[in-house]
PDB file of all heavy atoms in Angstrom:
ATOM      1  N   ARG A   1       1.558   6.202   2.452  1.00  0.00           N
ATOM      2  CA  ARG A   1       2.987   6.489   2.469  1.00  0.00           C
ATOM      3  C   ARG A   1       3.713   5.269   1.940  1.00  0.00           C
ATOM      4  O   ARG A   1       3.419   4.137   2.332  1.00  0.00           O
ATOM      5  CB  ARG A   1       3.468   6.830   3.873  1.00  0.00           C
ATOM      6  CG  ARG A   1       3.049   8.237   4.318  1.00  0.00           C
ATOM      7  CD  ARG A   1       3.800   8.628   5.528  1.00  0.00           C
ATOM      8  NE  ARG A   1       3.739   7.473   6.386  1.00  0.00           N
ATOM      9  CZ  ARG A   1       4.246   7.292   7.575  1.00  0.00           C
ATOM     10  NH1 ARG A   1       4.813   8.027   8.032  1.00  0.00           N
ATOM     11  NH2 ARG A   1       4.137   6.264   8.301  1.00  0.00           N
ATOM     12  N   PHE A   2       4.684   5.496   1.078  1.00  0.00           N
ATOM     13  CA  PHE A   2       5.393   4.372   0.477  1.00  0.00           C
ATOM     14  C   PHE A   2       6.869   4.688   0.321  1.00  0.00           C
ATOM     15  O   PHE A   2       7.281   5.861   0.325  1.00  0.00           O
ATOM     16  CB  PHE A   2       4.781   4.008  -0.877  1.00  0.00           C
ATOM     17  CG  PHE A   2       4.910   5.069  -1.930  1.00  0.00           C
ATOM     18  CD1 PHE A   2       5.972   5.068  -2.828  1.00  0.00           C
ATOM     19  CD2 PHE A   2       3.964   6.090  -2.042  1.00  0.00           C
ATOM     20  CE1 PHE A   2       6.101   6.042  -3.798  1.00  0.00           C
ATOM     21  CE2 PHE A   2       4.074   7.077  -3.022  1.00  0.00           C
ATOM     22  CZ  PHE A   2       5.144   7.047  -3.892  1.00  0.00           C
ATOM     23  N   ALA A   3       7.659   3.623   0.221  1.00  0.00           N
ATOM     24  CA  ALA A   3       9.110   3.759   0.057  1.00  0.00           C
ATOM     25  C   ALA A   3       9.500   3.365  -1.361  1.00  0.00           C
ATOM     26  O   ALA A   3       9.012   2.370  -1.902  1.00  0.00           O
ATOM     27  CB  ALA A   3       9.836   2.882   1.068  1.00  0.00           C
ATOM     28  N   ARG A   4      10.398   4.174  -1.952  1.00  0.00           N
ATOM     29  CA  ARG A   4      10.906   3.865  -3.290  1.00  0.00           C
ATOM     30  C   ARG A   4      12.319   4.408  -3.415  1.00  0.00           C
ATOM     31  O   ARG A   4      12.576   5.576  -3.082  1.00  0.00           O
ATOM     32  CB  ARG A   4      10.005   4.458  -4.366  1.00  0.00           C
ATOM     33  CG  ARG A   4      10.490   4.183  -5.785  1.00  0.00           C
ATOM     34  CD  ARG A   4       9.451   4.511  -6.827  1.00  0.00           C
ATOM     35  NE  ARG A   4       8.935   5.867  -6.692  1.00  0.00           N
ATOM     36  CZ  ARG A   4       7.880   6.323  -7.366  1.00  0.00           C
ATOM     37  NH1 ARG A   4       7.209   5.499  -8.161  1.00  0.00           N
ATOM     38  NH2 ARG A   4       7.491   7.573  -7.216  1.00  0.00           N
ATOM     39  N   ASP A   5      13.221   3.551  -3.841  1.00  0.00           N
ATOM     40  CA  ASP A   5      14.624   3.953  -3.984  1.00  0.00           C
ATOM     41  C   ASP A   5      15.210   4.500  -2.692  1.00  0.00           C
ATOM     42  O   ASP A   5      15.987   5.479  -2.689  1.00  0.00           O
ATOM     43  CB  ASP A   5      14.755   5.009  -5.090  1.00  0.00           C
ATOM     44  CG  ASP A   5      14.356   4.467  -6.442  1.00  0.00           C
ATOM     45  OD1 ASP A   5      14.560   3.274  -6.683  1.00  0.00           O
ATOM     46  OD2 ASP A   5      13.813   5.238  -7.245  1.00  0.00           O
ATOM     47  N   GLY A   6      14.779   3.894  -1.573  1.00  0.00           N
ATOM     48  CA  GLY A   6      15.340   4.268  -0.290  1.00  0.00           C
ATOM     49  C   GLY A   6      14.758   5.528   0.314  1.00  0.00           C
ATOM     50  O   GLY A   6      15.194   5.951   1.390  1.00  0.00           O
ATOM     51  N   GLU A   7      13.804   6.140  -0.365  1.00  0.00           N
ATOM     52  CA  GLU A   7      13.189   7.356   0.154  1.00  0.00           C
ATOM     53  C   GLU A   7      11.680   7.167   0.284  1.00  0.00           C
ATOM     54  O   GLU A   7      11.077   6.381  -0.437  1.00  0.00           O
ATOM     55  CB  GLU A   7      13.472   8.540  -0.775  1.00  0.00           C
ATOM     56  CG  GLU A   7      14.962   8.875  -0.890  1.00  0.00           C
ATOM     57  CD  GLU A   7      15.187  10.098  -1.756  1.00  0.00           C
ATOM     58  OE1 GLU A   7      14.193  10.639  -2.291  1.00  0.00           O
ATOM     59  OE2 GLU A   7      16.357  10.499  -1.903  1.00  0.00           O
ATOM     60  N   GLU A   8      11.075   7.895   1.218  1.00  0.00           N
ATOM     61  CA  GLU A   8       9.633   7.820   1.410  1.00  0.00           C
ATOM     62  C   GLU A   8       8.930   8.909   0.615  1.00  0.00           C
ATOM     63  O   GLU A   8       9.452  10.002   0.420  1.00  0.00           O
ATOM     64  CB  GLU A   8       9.265   7.941   2.898  1.00  0.00           C
ATOM     65  CG  GLU A   8       9.423   6.651   3.661  1.00  0.00           C
ATOM     66  CD  GLU A   8       8.634   6.643   4.971  1.00  0.00           C
ATOM     67  OE1 GLU A   8       7.780   7.542   5.164  1.00  0.00           O
ATOM     68  OE2 GLU A   8       8.873   5.733   5.782  1.00  0.00           O
ATOM     69  N   ASP A   9       7.737   8.574   0.162  1.00  0.00           N
ATOM     70  CA  ASP A   9       6.917   9.523  -0.569  1.00  0.00           C
ATOM     71  C   ASP A   9       5.469   9.307  -0.141  1.00  0.00           C
ATOM     72  O   ASP A   9       5.174   8.376   0.636  1.00  0.00           O
ATOM     73  CB  ASP A   9       7.087   9.340  -2.080  1.00  0.00           C
ATOM     74  CG  ASP A   9       6.743  10.598  -2.865  1.00  0.00           C
ATOM     75  OD1 ASP A   9       6.080  11.491  -2.294  1.00  0.00           O
ATOM     76  OD2 ASP A   9       7.119  10.680  -4.041  1.00  0.00           O
ATOM     77  N   PHE A  10       4.563  10.112  -0.645  1.00  0.00           N
ATOM     78  CA  PHE A  10       3.153  10.009  -0.235  1.00  0.00           C
ATOM     79  C   PHE A  10       2.260  10.033  -1.462  1.00  0.00           C
ATOM     80  O   PHE A  10       2.449  10.865  -2.371  1.00  0.00           O
ATOM     81  CB  PHE A  10       2.792  11.183   0.684  1.00  0.00           C
ATOM     82  CG  PHE A  10       1.395  11.100   1.243  1.00  0.00           C
ATOM     83  CD1 PHE A  10       1.101  10.239   2.294  1.00  0.00           C
ATOM     84  CD2 PHE A  10       0.376  11.879   0.717  1.00  0.00           C
ATOM     85  CE1 PHE A  10      -0.196  10.163   2.804  1.00  0.00           C
ATOM     86  CE2 PHE A  10      -0.915  11.807   1.217  1.00  0.00           C
ATOM     87  CZ  PHE A  10      -1.201  10.950   2.263  1.00  0.00           C
ATOM     88  N   PHE A  11       1.297   9.097  -1.489  1.00  0.00           N
ATOM     89  CA  PHE A  11       0.330   9.059  -2.581  1.00  0.00           C
ATOM     90  C   PHE A  11      -1.040   9.431  -2.024  1.00  0.00           C
ATOM     91  O   PHE A  11      -1.605   8.683  -1.205  1.00  0.00           O
ATOM     92  CB  PHE A  11       0.272   7.674  -3.226  1.00  0.00           C
ATOM     93  CG  PHE A  11      -0.735   7.572  -4.334  1.00  0.00           C
ATOM     94  CD1 PHE A  11      -0.462   8.127  -5.572  1.00  0.00           C
ATOM     95  CD2 PHE A  11      -1.958   6.950  -4.137  1.00  0.00           C
ATOM     96  CE1 PHE A  11      -1.398   8.065  -6.601  1.00  0.00           C
ATOM     97  CE2 PHE A  11      -2.897   6.883  -5.152  1.00  0.00           C
ATOM     98  CZ  PHE A  11      -2.617   7.442  -6.394  1.00  0.00           C
ATOM     99  N   PRO A  12      -1.611  10.562  -2.416  1.00  0.00           N
ATOM    100  CA  PRO A  12      -2.908  10.961  -1.875  1.00  0.00           C
ATOM    101  C   PRO A  12      -4.060  10.192  -2.522  1.00  0.00           C
ATOM    102  O   PRO A  12      -4.096  10.012  -3.746  1.00  0.00           O
ATOM    103  CB  PRO A  12      -2.978  12.445  -2.235  1.00  0.00           C
ATOM    104  CG  PRO A  12      -2.140  12.578  -3.464  1.00  0.00           C
ATOM    105  CD  PRO A  12      -1.037  11.567  -3.323  1.00  0.00           C
ATOM    106  N   CYS A  13      -4.980   9.720  -1.706  1.00  0.00           N
ATOM    107  CA  CYS A  13      -6.178   9.041  -2.195  1.00  0.00           C
ATOM    108  C   CYS A  13      -7.208   9.015  -1.075  1.00  0.00           C
ATOM    109  O   CYS A  13      -6.860   9.171   0.097  1.00  0.00           O
ATOM    110  CB  CYS A  13      -5.868   7.632  -2.680  1.00  0.00           C
ATOM    111  SG  CYS A  13      -5.193   6.543  -1.418  1.00  0.00           S
ATOM    112  N   GLU A  14      -8.456   8.803  -1.455  1.00  0.00           N
ATOM    113  CA  GLU A  14      -9.528   8.771  -0.465  1.00  0.00           C
ATOM    114  C   GLU A  14      -9.716   7.393   0.145  1.00  0.00           C
ATOM    115  O   GLU A  14     -10.144   7.263   1.292  1.00  0.00           O
ATOM    116  CB  GLU A  14     -10.831   9.250  -1.104  1.00  0.00           C
ATOM    117  CG  GLU A  14     -10.801  10.707  -1.525  1.00  0.00           C
ATOM    118  CD  GLU A  14     -12.018  11.094  -2.323  1.00  0.00           C
ATOM    119  OE1 GLU A  14     -13.135  11.063  -1.770  1.00  0.00           O
ATOM    120  OE2 GLU A  14     -11.857  11.410  -3.525  1.00  0.00           O
ATOM    121  N   SER A  15      -9.429   6.337  -0.641  1.00  0.00           N
ATOM    122  CA  SER A  15      -9.627   4.974  -0.152  1.00  0.00           C
ATOM    123  C   SER A  15      -8.482   4.085  -0.587  1.00  0.00           C
ATOM    124  O   SER A  15      -7.780   4.364  -1.571  1.00  0.00           O
ATOM    125  CB  SER A  15     -10.950   4.395  -0.678  1.00  0.00           C
ATOM    126  OG  SER A  15     -12.050   5.137  -0.206  1.00  0.00           O
ATOM    127  N   VAL A  16      -8.313   2.993   0.160  1.00  0.00           N
ATOM    128  CA  VAL A  16      -7.277   2.003  -0.129  1.00  0.00           C
ATOM    129  C   VAL A  16      -7.911   0.615  -0.072  1.00  0.00           C
ATOM    130  O   VAL A  16      -8.707   0.328   0.830  1.00  0.00           O
ATOM    131  CB  VAL A  16      -6.127   2.087   0.899  1.00  0.00           C
ATOM    132  CG1 VAL A  16      -5.090   0.997   0.636  1.00  0.00           C
ATOM    133  CG2 VAL A  16      -5.482   3.467   0.872  1.00  0.00           C
ATOM    134  N   ILE A  17      -7.572  -0.233  -1.032  1.00  0.00           N
ATOM    135  CA  ILE A  17      -7.988  -1.635  -0.981  1.00  0.00           C
ATOM    136  C   ILE A  17      -6.737  -2.501  -1.054  1.00  0.00           C
ATOM    137  O   ILE A  17      -5.953  -2.399  -2.003  1.00  0.00           O
ATOM    138  CB  ILE A  17      -8.962  -2.007  -2.110  1.00  0.00           C
ATOM    139  CG1 ILE A  17     -10.274  -1.231  -1.941  1.00  0.00           C
ATOM    140  CG2 ILE A  17      -9.227  -3.512  -2.119  1.00  0.00           C
ATOM    141  CD1 ILE A  17     -11.324  -1.546  -2.991  1.00  0.00           C
ATOM    142  N   VAL A  18      -6.547  -3.346  -0.041  1.00  0.00           N
ATOM    143  CA  VAL A  18      -5.392  -4.237   0.026  1.00  0.00           C
ATOM    144  C   VAL A  18      -5.731  -5.538  -0.685  1.00  0.00           C
ATOM    145  O   VAL A  18      -6.702  -6.222  -0.334  1.00  0.00           O
ATOM    146  CB  VAL A  18      -5.007  -4.508   1.491  1.00  0.00           C
ATOM    147  CG1 VAL A  18      -3.832  -5.488   1.563  1.00  0.00           C
ATOM    148  CG2 VAL A  18      -4.657  -3.201   2.200  1.00  0.00           C
ATOM    149  N   ALA A  19      -4.927  -5.882  -1.687  1.00  0.00           N
ATOM    150  CA  ALA A  19      -5.185  -7.081  -2.495  1.00  0.00           C
ATOM    151  C   ALA A  19      -3.901  -7.878  -2.640  1.00  0.00           C
ATOM    152  O   ALA A  19      -3.319  -7.971  -3.724  1.00  0.00           O
ATOM    153  CB  ALA A  19      -5.722  -6.687  -3.869  1.00  0.00           C
ATOM    154  N   VAL A  20      -3.431  -8.452  -1.536  1.00  0.00           N
ATOM    155  CA  VAL A  20      -2.139  -9.141  -1.564  1.00  0.00           C
ATOM    156  C   VAL A  20      -2.242 -10.648  -1.377  1.00  0.00           C
ATOM    157  O   VAL A  20      -1.257 -11.338  -1.537  1.00  0.00           O
ATOM    158  CB  VAL A  20      -1.178  -8.561  -0.512  1.00  0.00           C
ATOM    159  CG1 VAL A  20      -0.808  -7.137  -0.860  1.00  0.00           C
ATOM    160  CG2 VAL A  20      -1.777  -8.628   0.883  1.00  0.00           C
ATOM    161  N   SER A  21      -3.404 -11.178  -1.045  1.00  0.00           N
ATOM    162  CA  SER A  21      -3.591 -12.627  -0.912  1.00  0.00           C
ATOM    163  C   SER A  21      -4.671 -12.880   0.110  1.00  0.00           C
ATOM    164  O   SER A  21      -5.164 -11.956   0.765  1.00  0.00           O
ATOM    165  CB  SER A  21      -2.306 -13.345  -0.484  1.00  0.00           C
ATOM    166  OG  SER A  21      -2.493 -14.744  -0.556  1.00  0.00           O
ATOM    167  N   GLN A  22      -5.062 -14.149   0.224  1.00  0.00           N
ATOM    168  CA  GLN A  22      -5.998 -14.533   1.264  1.00  0.00           C
ATOM    169  C   GLN A  22      -5.756 -15.975   1.673  1.00  0.00           C
ATOM    170  O   GLN A  22      -5.151 -16.744   0.931  1.00  0.00           O
ATOM    171  CB  GLN A  22      -7.454 -14.335   0.826  1.00  0.00           C
ATOM    172  CG  GLN A  22      -7.865 -15.035  -0.424  1.00  0.00           C
ATOM    173  CD  GLN A  22      -7.745 -14.184  -1.668  1.00  0.00           C
ATOM    174  OE1 GLN A  22      -7.445 -12.992  -1.609  1.00  0.00           O
ATOM    175  NE2 GLN A  22      -7.964 -14.794  -2.821  1.00  0.00           N
ATOM    176  N   GLY A  23      -6.224 -16.310   2.871  1.00  0.00           N
ATOM    177  CA  GLY A  23      -6.072 -17.661   3.387  1.00  0.00           C
ATOM    178  C   GLY A  23      -7.419 -18.196   3.847  1.00  0.00           C
ATOM    179  O   GLY A  23      -8.444 -17.528   3.745  1.00  0.00           O
ATOM    180  N   PRO A  24      -7.445 -19.431   4.350  1.00  0.00           N
ATOM    181  CA  PRO A  24      -8.709 -20.034   4.782  1.00  0.00           C
ATOM    182  C   PRO A  24      -9.149 -19.532   6.145  1.00  0.00           C
ATOM    183  O   PRO A  24      -8.332 -19.130   6.965  1.00  0.00           O
ATOM    184  CB  PRO A  24      -8.368 -21.527   4.838  1.00  0.00           C
ATOM    185  CG  PRO A  24      -6.912 -21.557   5.145  1.00  0.00           C
ATOM    186  CD  PRO A  24      -6.313 -20.349   4.480  1.00  0.00           C
ATOM    187  N   ARG A  25     -10.461 -19.527   6.354  1.00  0.00           N
ATOM    188  CA  ARG A  25     -10.990 -19.273   7.691  1.00  0.00           C
ATOM    189  C   ARG A  25     -10.949 -20.593   8.459  1.00  0.00           C
ATOM    190  O   ARG A  25     -11.383 -21.626   7.952  1.00  0.00           O
ATOM    191  CB  ARG A  25     -12.430 -18.765   7.615  1.00  0.00           C
ATOM    192  CG  ARG A  25     -12.573 -17.455   6.856  1.00  0.00           C
ATOM    193  CD  ARG A  25     -13.966 -16.889   7.029  1.00  0.00           C
ATOM    194  NE  ARG A  25     -14.195 -15.735   6.167  1.00  0.00           N
ATOM    195  CZ  ARG A  25     -13.822 -14.493   6.450  1.00  0.00           C
ATOM    196  NH1 ARG A  25     -13.171 -14.251   7.562  1.00  0.00           N
ATOM    197  NH2 ARG A  25     -14.072 -13.500   5.621  1.00  0.00           N
TER     198      ARG A  25
END
């Protein structure tokens, strides 16, 4: 589920990979 132009919409998919950054352990 995502927001665009102030409204919510839905993108169908089987899998999601989050790739927004990483930090140290």
